[in-house]
Amino acid sequence: MPERAAAPRGLYLVTPEMSDTDALLRAVDWALAGRPALLQYRSKLADEGLRREQAARVGALCRAGGVPFIVNDRVDLALALDADGVHLGRDDGDPVAARRALGPHRILGISCYDEWGRAEAAAAAGADYIAFGAMFASPTKPAAVRAPLALLSRARRELSVRVAAIGGISLDNAPAVVEAGADLVAVVSDVFASADPGARARAYQSLFAD
């Protein structure tokens, strides 16, 4: 099997829930000016038609901007849109089957919440990155379980995959997350709700400058 390329390091932008597609595209286009490492299209409320339309158009913006495009939840949609990868939560299918369907060159990310055993299983299944969180109180998922920073450090030491952190991350607490071992910091509100999403995204990317 061909060797898989590693997922990048840096800001992992996740789209906010927006029913107004034109407004979503303006926000994404502005944020992409900050050159995030990855961008994920995520919608839990859109119907199938709107989800497909938004994902296709967000994906086109990502391709034009040279930013890898990830689809949340849906392997079938990621493949249909020729996305760069997919992110799966607990109820979104089997990681082994997803790895097989995606092939070796698309990115597979797995939510691990605060569960070390799930992280080990995801790495064994062929995930390119594992995501822990919520790291802090999150306006996107206020009831989400909290994950300790120590999980990031352990995963960095023991697992040969990228480590992502999500949940309540801001520019104030992101340096501690990166210091603990995060290769990717997943952010929604702190970028998209800012006055200048592009500048905010660049500020996050600067945390990963070698």
C-alpha atoms as a PDB file:
ATOM      1  CA  MET A   1       0.000   0.000   0.000  1.00  0.00           C
ATOM      2  CA  PRO A   2       1.369   3.505  -0.794  1.00  0.00           C
ATOM      3  CA  GLU A   3       2.510   5.438   2.248  1.00  0.00           C
ATOM      4  CA  ARG A   4       0.039   8.062   3.426  1.00  0.00           C
ATOM      5  CA  ALA A   5       1.085  11.683   3.665  1.00  0.00           C
ATOM      6  CA  ALA A   6       0.850  13.173   7.155  1.00  0.00           C
ATOM      7  CA  ALA A   7      -1.940  15.606   7.913  1.00  0.00           C
ATOM      8  CA  PRO A   8      -0.685  19.186   8.162  1.00  0.00           C
ATOM      9  CA  ARG A   9      -0.130  21.164  11.364  1.00  0.00           C
ATOM     10  CA  GLY A  10      -1.822  24.431  12.233  1.00  0.00           C
ATOM     11  CA  LEU A  11      -5.282  25.959  12.442  1.00  0.00           C
ATOM     12  CA  TYR A  12      -8.153  23.597  11.670  1.00  0.00           C
ATOM     13  CA  LEU A  13     -11.114  25.800  10.762  1.00  0.00           C
ATOM     14  CA  VAL A  14     -14.608  24.345  11.213  1.00  0.00           C
ATOM     15  CA  THR A  15     -17.550  26.131   9.606  1.00  0.00           C
ATOM     16  CA  PRO A  16     -20.333  27.586  11.759  1.00  0.00           C
ATOM     17  CA  GLU A  17     -23.954  26.498  11.377  1.00  0.00           C
ATOM     18  CA  MET A  18     -25.419  28.922   8.802  1.00  0.00           C
ATOM     19  CA  SER A  19     -28.530  28.440   6.672  1.00  0.00           C
ATOM     20  CA  ASP A  20     -27.651  31.459   4.516  1.00  0.00           C
ATOM     21  CA  THR A  21     -25.267  29.920   2.002  1.00  0.00           C
ATOM     22  CA  ASP A  22     -24.061  33.222   0.563  1.00  0.00           C
ATOM     23  CA  ALA A  23     -23.220  34.513   4.046  1.00  0.00           C
ATOM     24  CA  LEU A  24     -21.402  31.257   4.832  1.00  0.00           C
ATOM     25  CA  LEU A  25     -19.354  31.505   1.650  1.00  0.00           C
ATOM     26  CA  ARG A  26     -18.378  35.114   2.370  1.00  0.00           C
ATOM     27  CA  ALA A  27     -17.237  34.126   5.850  1.00  0.00           C
ATOM     28  CA  VAL A  28     -15.274  31.121   4.571  1.00  0.00           C
ATOM     29  CA  ASP A  29     -13.641  33.128   1.796  1.00  0.00           C
ATOM     30  CA  TRP A  30     -12.527  35.775   4.275  1.00  0.00           C
ATOM     31  CA  ALA A  31     -11.186  33.211   6.731  1.00  0.00           C
ATOM     32  CA  LEU A  32      -9.311  31.318   4.013  1.00  0.00           C
ATOM     33  CA  ALA A  33      -7.222  34.438   3.446  1.00  0.00           C
ATOM     34  CA  GLY A  34      -5.499  33.488   6.702  1.00  0.00           C
ATOM     35  CA  ARG A  35      -4.261  30.214   5.165  1.00  0.00           C
ATOM     36  CA  PRO A  36      -5.511  27.646   7.706  1.00  0.00           C
ATOM     37  CA  ALA A  37      -4.025  24.160   7.594  1.00  0.00           C
ATOM     38  CA  LEU A  38      -7.423  22.508   7.053  1.00  0.00           C
ATOM     39  CA  LEU A  39     -11.049  23.573   6.707  1.00  0.00           C
ATOM     40  CA  GLN A  40     -13.971  21.339   7.648  1.00  0.00           C
ATOM     41  CA  TYR A  41     -17.530  21.790   6.450  1.00  0.00           C
ATOM     42  CA  ARG A  42     -19.818  20.897   9.357  1.00  0.00           C
ATOM     43  CA  SER A  43     -23.600  21.195   9.504  1.00  0.00           C
ATOM     44  CA  LYS A  44     -25.918  19.256  11.789  1.00  0.00           C
ATOM     45  CA  LEU A  45     -29.103  21.172  10.912  1.00  0.00           C
ATOM     46  CA  ALA A  46     -29.124  21.557   7.119  1.00  0.00           C
ATOM     47  CA  ASP A  47     -31.287  19.211   5.062  1.00  0.00           C
ATOM     48  CA  GLU A  48     -29.613  16.969   2.512  1.00  0.00           C
ATOM     49  CA  GLY A  49     -29.970  19.365  -0.415  1.00  0.00           C
ATOM     50  CA  LEU A  50     -28.617  22.364   1.454  1.00  0.00           C
ATOM     51  CA  ARG A  51     -25.799  20.316   2.978  1.00  0.00           C
ATOM     52  CA  ARG A  52     -24.669  19.103  -0.444  1.00  0.00           C
ATOM     53  CA  GLU A  53     -24.894  22.580  -1.969  1.00  0.00           C
ATOM     54  CA  GLN A  54     -22.985  24.237   0.859  1.00  0.00           C
ATOM     55  CA  ALA A  55     -20.346  21.534   1.006  1.00  0.00           C
ATOM     56  CA  ALA A  56     -19.758  21.660  -2.741  1.00  0.00           C
ATOM     57  CA  ARG A  57     -19.384  25.422  -2.754  1.00  0.00           C
ATOM     58  CA  VAL A  58     -17.203  25.540   0.350  1.00  0.00           C
ATOM     59  CA  GLY A  59     -15.043  22.815  -1.198  1.00  0.00           C
ATOM     60  CA  ALA A  60     -14.624  24.879  -4.353  1.00  0.00           C
ATOM     61  CA  LEU A  61     -13.411  27.839  -2.295  1.00  0.00           C
ATOM     62  CA  CYS A  62     -10.932  25.611  -0.478  1.00  0.00           C
ATOM     63  CA  ARG A  63      -9.552  24.230  -3.735  1.00  0.00           C
ATOM     64  CA  ALA A  64      -9.178  27.731  -5.153  1.00  0.00           C
ATOM     65  CA  GLY A  65      -7.363  28.790  -1.994  1.00  0.00           C
ATOM     66  CA  GLY A  66      -5.143  25.715  -1.782  1.00  0.00           C
ATOM     67  CA  VAL A  67      -6.518  24.642   1.611  1.00  0.00           C
ATOM     68  CA  PRO A  68      -7.395  20.949   2.188  1.00  0.00           C
ATOM     69  CA  PHE A  69     -11.164  20.437   2.474  1.00  0.00           C
ATOM     70  CA  ILE A  70     -12.657  18.039   5.029  1.00  0.00           C
ATOM     71  CA  VAL A  71     -16.295  16.908   5.261  1.00  0.00           C
ATOM     72  CA  ASN A  72     -17.804  16.190   8.669  1.00  0.00           C
ATOM     73  CA  ASP A  73     -19.673  12.918   9.331  1.00  0.00           C
ATOM     74  CA  ARG A  74     -20.135  11.644   5.789  1.00  0.00           C
ATOM     75  CA  VAL A  75     -17.706   9.431   3.867  1.00  0.00           C
ATOM     76  CA  ASP A  76     -20.160   9.207   0.966  1.00  0.00           C
ATOM     77  CA  LEU A  77     -20.417  12.980   0.640  1.00  0.00           C
ATOM     78  CA  ALA A  78     -16.660  13.424   0.923  1.00  0.00           C
ATOM     79  CA  LEU A  79     -16.123  10.970  -1.918  1.00  0.00           C
ATOM     80  CA  ALA A  80     -18.907  12.446  -4.053  1.00  0.00           C
ATOM     81  CA  LEU A  81     -17.345  15.908  -3.771  1.00  0.00           C
ATOM     82  CA  ASP A  82     -13.764  14.673  -4.145  1.00  0.00           C
ATOM     83  CA  ALA A  83     -12.935  16.193  -0.775  1.00  0.00           C
ATOM     84  CA  ASP A  84      -9.487  15.847   0.747  1.00  0.00           C
ATOM     85  CA  GLY A  85     -10.845  13.895   3.691  1.00  0.00           C
ATOM     86  CA  VAL A  86     -13.533  13.229   6.260  1.00  0.00           C
ATOM     87  CA  HIS A  87     -13.955  13.634   9.997  1.00  0.00           C
ATOM     88  CA  LEU A  88     -15.975  11.021  11.879  1.00  0.00           C
ATOM     89  CA  GLY A  89     -17.592  11.144  15.297  1.00  0.00           C
ATOM     90  CA  ARG A  90     -18.738   8.308  17.491  1.00  0.00           C
ATOM     91  CA  ASP A  91     -21.839   7.463  15.442  1.00  0.00           C
ATOM     92  CA  ASP A  92     -20.533   8.177  11.937  1.00  0.00           C
ATOM     93  CA  GLY A  93     -19.367   4.733  10.899  1.00  0.00           C
ATOM     94  CA  ASP A  94     -16.479   2.326  11.268  1.00  0.00           C
ATOM     95  CA  PRO A  95     -13.017   3.925  10.943  1.00  0.00           C
ATOM     96  CA  VAL A  96     -11.590   0.795   9.292  1.00  0.00           C
ATOM     97  CA  ALA A  97     -14.300   0.844   6.622  1.00  0.00           C
ATOM     98  CA  ALA A  98     -13.824   4.585   6.180  1.00  0.00           C
ATOM     99  CA  ARG A  99     -10.069   4.155   5.689  1.00  0.00           C
ATOM    100  CA  ARG A 100     -10.728   1.500   3.070  1.00  0.00           C
ATOM    101  CA  ALA A 101     -13.269   3.665   1.223  1.00  0.00           C
ATOM    102  CA  LEU A 102     -11.099   6.794   1.317  1.00  0.00           C
ATOM    103  CA  GLY A 103      -7.968   5.075   0.089  1.00  0.00           C
ATOM    104  CA  PRO A 104      -4.471   6.004   1.217  1.00  0.00           C
ATOM    105  CA  HIS A 105      -4.299   9.629   0.090  1.00  0.00           C
ATOM    106  CA  ARG A 106      -7.362  11.215   1.694  1.00  0.00           C
ATOM    107  CA  ILE A 107      -7.313  12.408   5.304  1.00  0.00           C
ATOM    108  CA  LEU A 108      -9.235  10.504   7.966  1.00  0.00           C
ATOM    109  CA  GLY A 109      -9.867  12.194  11.301  1.00  0.00           C
ATOM    110  CA  ILE A 110     -11.602  10.644  14.291  1.00  0.00           C
ATOM    111  CA  SER A 111     -13.190  12.307  17.328  1.00  0.00           C
ATOM    112  CA  CYS A 112     -11.911  10.687  20.521  1.00  0.00           C
ATOM    113  CA  TYR A 113     -13.495  13.015  23.090  1.00  0.00           C
ATOM    114  CA  ASP A 114     -11.726  12.184  26.397  1.00  0.00           C
ATOM    115  CA  GLU A 115     -11.264   8.467  25.590  1.00  0.00           C
ATOM    116  CA  TRP A 116      -7.733   7.100  25.333  1.00  0.00           C
ATOM    117  CA  GLY A 117      -8.927   3.681  24.162  1.00  0.00           C
ATOM    118  CA  ARG A 118     -10.803   5.265  21.285  1.00  0.00           C
ATOM    119  CA  ALA A 119      -7.661   7.144  20.294  1.00  0.00           C
ATOM    120  CA  GLU A 120      -5.620   3.938  20.222  1.00  0.00           C
ATOM    121  CA  ALA A 121      -8.282   2.208  18.135  1.00  0.00           C
ATOM    122  CA  ALA A 122      -8.473   5.136  15.710  1.00  0.00           C
ATOM    123  CA  ALA A 123      -4.720   5.160  15.208  1.00  0.00           C
ATOM    124  CA  ALA A 124      -4.738   1.395  14.623  1.00  0.00           C
ATOM    125  CA  ALA A 125      -7.562   1.807  12.083  1.00  0.00           C
ATOM    126  CA  GLY A 126      -5.479   4.183  10.001  1.00  0.00           C
ATOM    127  CA  ALA A 127      -6.591   7.632  11.155  1.00  0.00           C
ATOM    128  CA  ASP A 128      -4.369  10.506  10.048  1.00  0.00           C
ATOM    129  CA  TYR A 129      -5.330  12.573  13.082  1.00  0.00           C
ATOM    130  CA  ILE A 130      -7.240  12.055  16.307  1.00  0.00           C
ATOM    131  CA  ALA A 131      -9.188  14.839  17.990  1.00  0.00           C
ATOM    132  CA  PHE A 132      -9.633  15.335  21.731  1.00  0.00           C
ATOM    133  CA  GLY A 133     -12.109  17.710  23.328  1.00  0.00           C
ATOM    134  CA  ALA A 134     -13.782  19.744  24.440  1.00  0.00           C
ATOM    135  CA  MET A 135     -10.606  21.181  25.891  1.00  0.00           C
ATOM    136  CA  PHE A 136     -12.453  24.180  27.349  1.00  0.00           C
ATOM    137  CA  ALA A 137     -16.061  25.329  27.688  1.00  0.00           C
ATOM    138  CA  SER A 138     -17.402  25.572  24.149  1.00  0.00           C
ATOM    139  CA  PRO A 139     -20.198  27.810  22.818  1.00  0.00           C
ATOM    140  CA  THR A 140     -20.664  25.378  19.918  1.00  0.00           C
ATOM    141  CA  LYS A 141     -21.168  22.330  22.186  1.00  0.00           C
ATOM    142  CA  PRO A 142     -21.852  23.637  25.702  1.00  0.00           C
ATOM    143  CA  ALA A 143     -22.644  20.171  27.100  1.00  0.00           C
ATOM    144  CA  ALA A 144     -19.576  18.456  25.627  1.00  0.00           C
ATOM    145  CA  VAL A 145     -17.397  16.315  27.885  1.00  0.00           C
ATOM    146  CA  ARG A 146     -14.114  17.993  28.859  1.00  0.00           C
ATOM    147  CA  ALA A 147     -10.777  16.431  27.944  1.00  0.00           C
ATOM    148  CA  PRO A 148      -7.564  17.123  29.900  1.00  0.00           C
ATOM    149  CA  LEU A 149      -4.502  18.618  28.259  1.00  0.00           C
ATOM    150  CA  ALA A 150      -2.555  15.571  29.417  1.00  0.00           C
ATOM    151  CA  LEU A 151      -4.290  13.504  26.708  1.00  0.00           C
ATOM    152  CA  LEU A 152      -2.646  15.643  24.038  1.00  0.00           C
ATOM    153  CA  SER A 153       0.790  15.081  25.547  1.00  0.00           C
ATOM    154  CA  ARG A 154       0.255  11.333  25.871  1.00  0.00           C
ATOM    155  CA  ALA A 155      -0.987  11.001  22.298  1.00  0.00           C
ATOM    156  CA  ARG A 156       1.973  12.982  21.000  1.00  0.00           C
ATOM    157  CA  ARG A 157       4.337  10.612  22.832  1.00  0.00           C
ATOM    158  CA  GLU A 158       2.652   7.290  22.150  1.00  0.00           C
ATOM    159  CA  LEU A 159       0.730   7.456  18.864  1.00  0.00           C
ATOM    160  CA  SER A 160       2.133   8.025  15.379  1.00  0.00           C
ATOM    161  CA  VAL A 161      -0.681  10.317  14.217  1.00  0.00           C
ATOM    162  CA  ARG A 162      -1.395  14.014  14.303  1.00  0.00           C
ATOM    163  CA  VAL A 163      -3.155  15.242  17.428  1.00  0.00           C
ATOM    164  CA  ALA A 164      -6.008  17.750  17.190  1.00  0.00           C
ATOM    165  CA  ALA A 165      -7.651  19.704  19.996  1.00  0.00           C
ATOM    166  CA  ILE A 166     -11.162  21.126  19.810  1.00  0.00           C
ATOM    167  CA  GLY A 167     -13.627  22.911  22.031  1.00  0.00           C
ATOM    168  CA  GLY A 168     -13.547  26.427  23.423  1.00  0.00           C
ATOM    169  CA  ILE A 169     -10.158  27.233  21.903  1.00  0.00           C
ATOM    170  CA  SER A 170      -9.237  30.906  21.649  1.00  0.00           C
ATOM    171  CA  LEU A 171      -6.059  32.821  20.979  1.00  0.00           C
ATOM    172  CA  ASP A 172      -5.699  33.204  24.743  1.00  0.00           C
ATOM    173  CA  ASN A 173      -5.618  29.479  25.506  1.00  0.00           C
ATOM    174  CA  ALA A 174      -4.348  28.074  22.196  1.00  0.00           C
ATOM    175  CA  PRO A 175      -0.636  28.439  23.116  1.00  0.00           C
ATOM    176  CA  ALA A 176      -1.128  26.107  26.087  1.00  0.00           C
ATOM    177  CA  VAL A 177      -2.859  23.577  23.845  1.00  0.00           C
ATOM    178  CA  VAL A 178      -0.027  23.672  21.318  1.00  0.00           C
ATOM    179  CA  GLU A 179       2.552  23.412  24.096  1.00  0.00           C
ATOM    180  CA  ALA A 180       0.738  20.333  25.419  1.00  0.00           C
ATOM    181  CA  GLY A 181       1.139  18.586  22.090  1.00  0.00           C
ATOM    182  CA  ALA A 182      -1.606  19.611  19.668  1.00  0.00           C
ATOM    183  CA  ASP A 183      -0.619  19.555  15.996  1.00  0.00           C
ATOM    184  CA  LEU A 184      -3.977  21.051  15.025  1.00  0.00           C
ATOM    185  CA  VAL A 185      -6.278  23.447  16.883  1.00  0.00           C
ATOM    186  CA  ALA A 186      -9.873  23.246  15.691  1.00  0.00           C
ATOM    187  CA  VAL A 187     -11.725  26.538  15.944  1.00  0.00           C
ATOM    188  CA  VAL A 188     -15.186  27.768  15.003  1.00  0.00           C
ATOM    189  CA  SER A 189     -16.387  30.817  16.915  1.00  0.00           C
ATOM    190  CA  ASP A 190     -13.102  32.533  17.717  1.00  0.00           C
ATOM    191  CA  VAL A 191     -12.347  32.924  14.016  1.00  0.00           C
ATOM    192  CA  PHE A 192     -15.741  33.253  12.361  1.00  0.00           C
ATOM    193  CA  ALA A 193     -17.185  35.593  15.004  1.00  0.00           C
ATOM    194  CA  SER A 194     -14.157  37.890  14.883  1.00  0.00           C
ATOM    195  CA  ALA A 195     -14.132  41.251  13.131  1.00  0.00           C
ATOM    196  CA  ASP A 196     -11.477  40.010  10.681  1.00  0.00           C
ATOM    197  CA  PRO A 197     -11.533  36.201  10.247  1.00  0.00           C
ATOM    198  CA  GLY A 198      -8.549  36.246   7.909  1.00  0.00           C
ATOM    199  CA  ALA A 199      -6.345  38.092  10.384  1.00  0.00           C
ATOM    200  CA  ARG A 200      -7.568  35.871  13.205  1.00  0.00           C
ATOM    201  CA  ALA A 201      -6.702  32.758  11.203  1.00  0.00           C
ATOM    202  CA  ARG A 202      -3.206  34.107  10.490  1.00  0.00           C
ATOM    203  CA  ALA A 203      -2.690  34.714  14.202  1.00  0.00           C
ATOM    204  CA  TYR A 204      -3.468  31.058  14.903  1.00  0.00           C
ATOM    205  CA  GLN A 205      -1.163  29.874  12.127  1.00  0.00           C
ATOM    206  CA  SER A 206       1.664  31.912  13.634  1.00  0.00           C
ATOM    207  CA  LEU A 207       1.526  29.656  16.717  1.00  0.00           C
ATOM    208  CA  PHE A 208       2.905  26.839  14.568  1.00  0.00           C
ATOM    209  CA  ALA A 209       5.759  28.764  12.958  1.00  0.00           C
ATOM    210  CA  ASP A 210       9.010  26.867  13.452  1.00  0.00           C
END
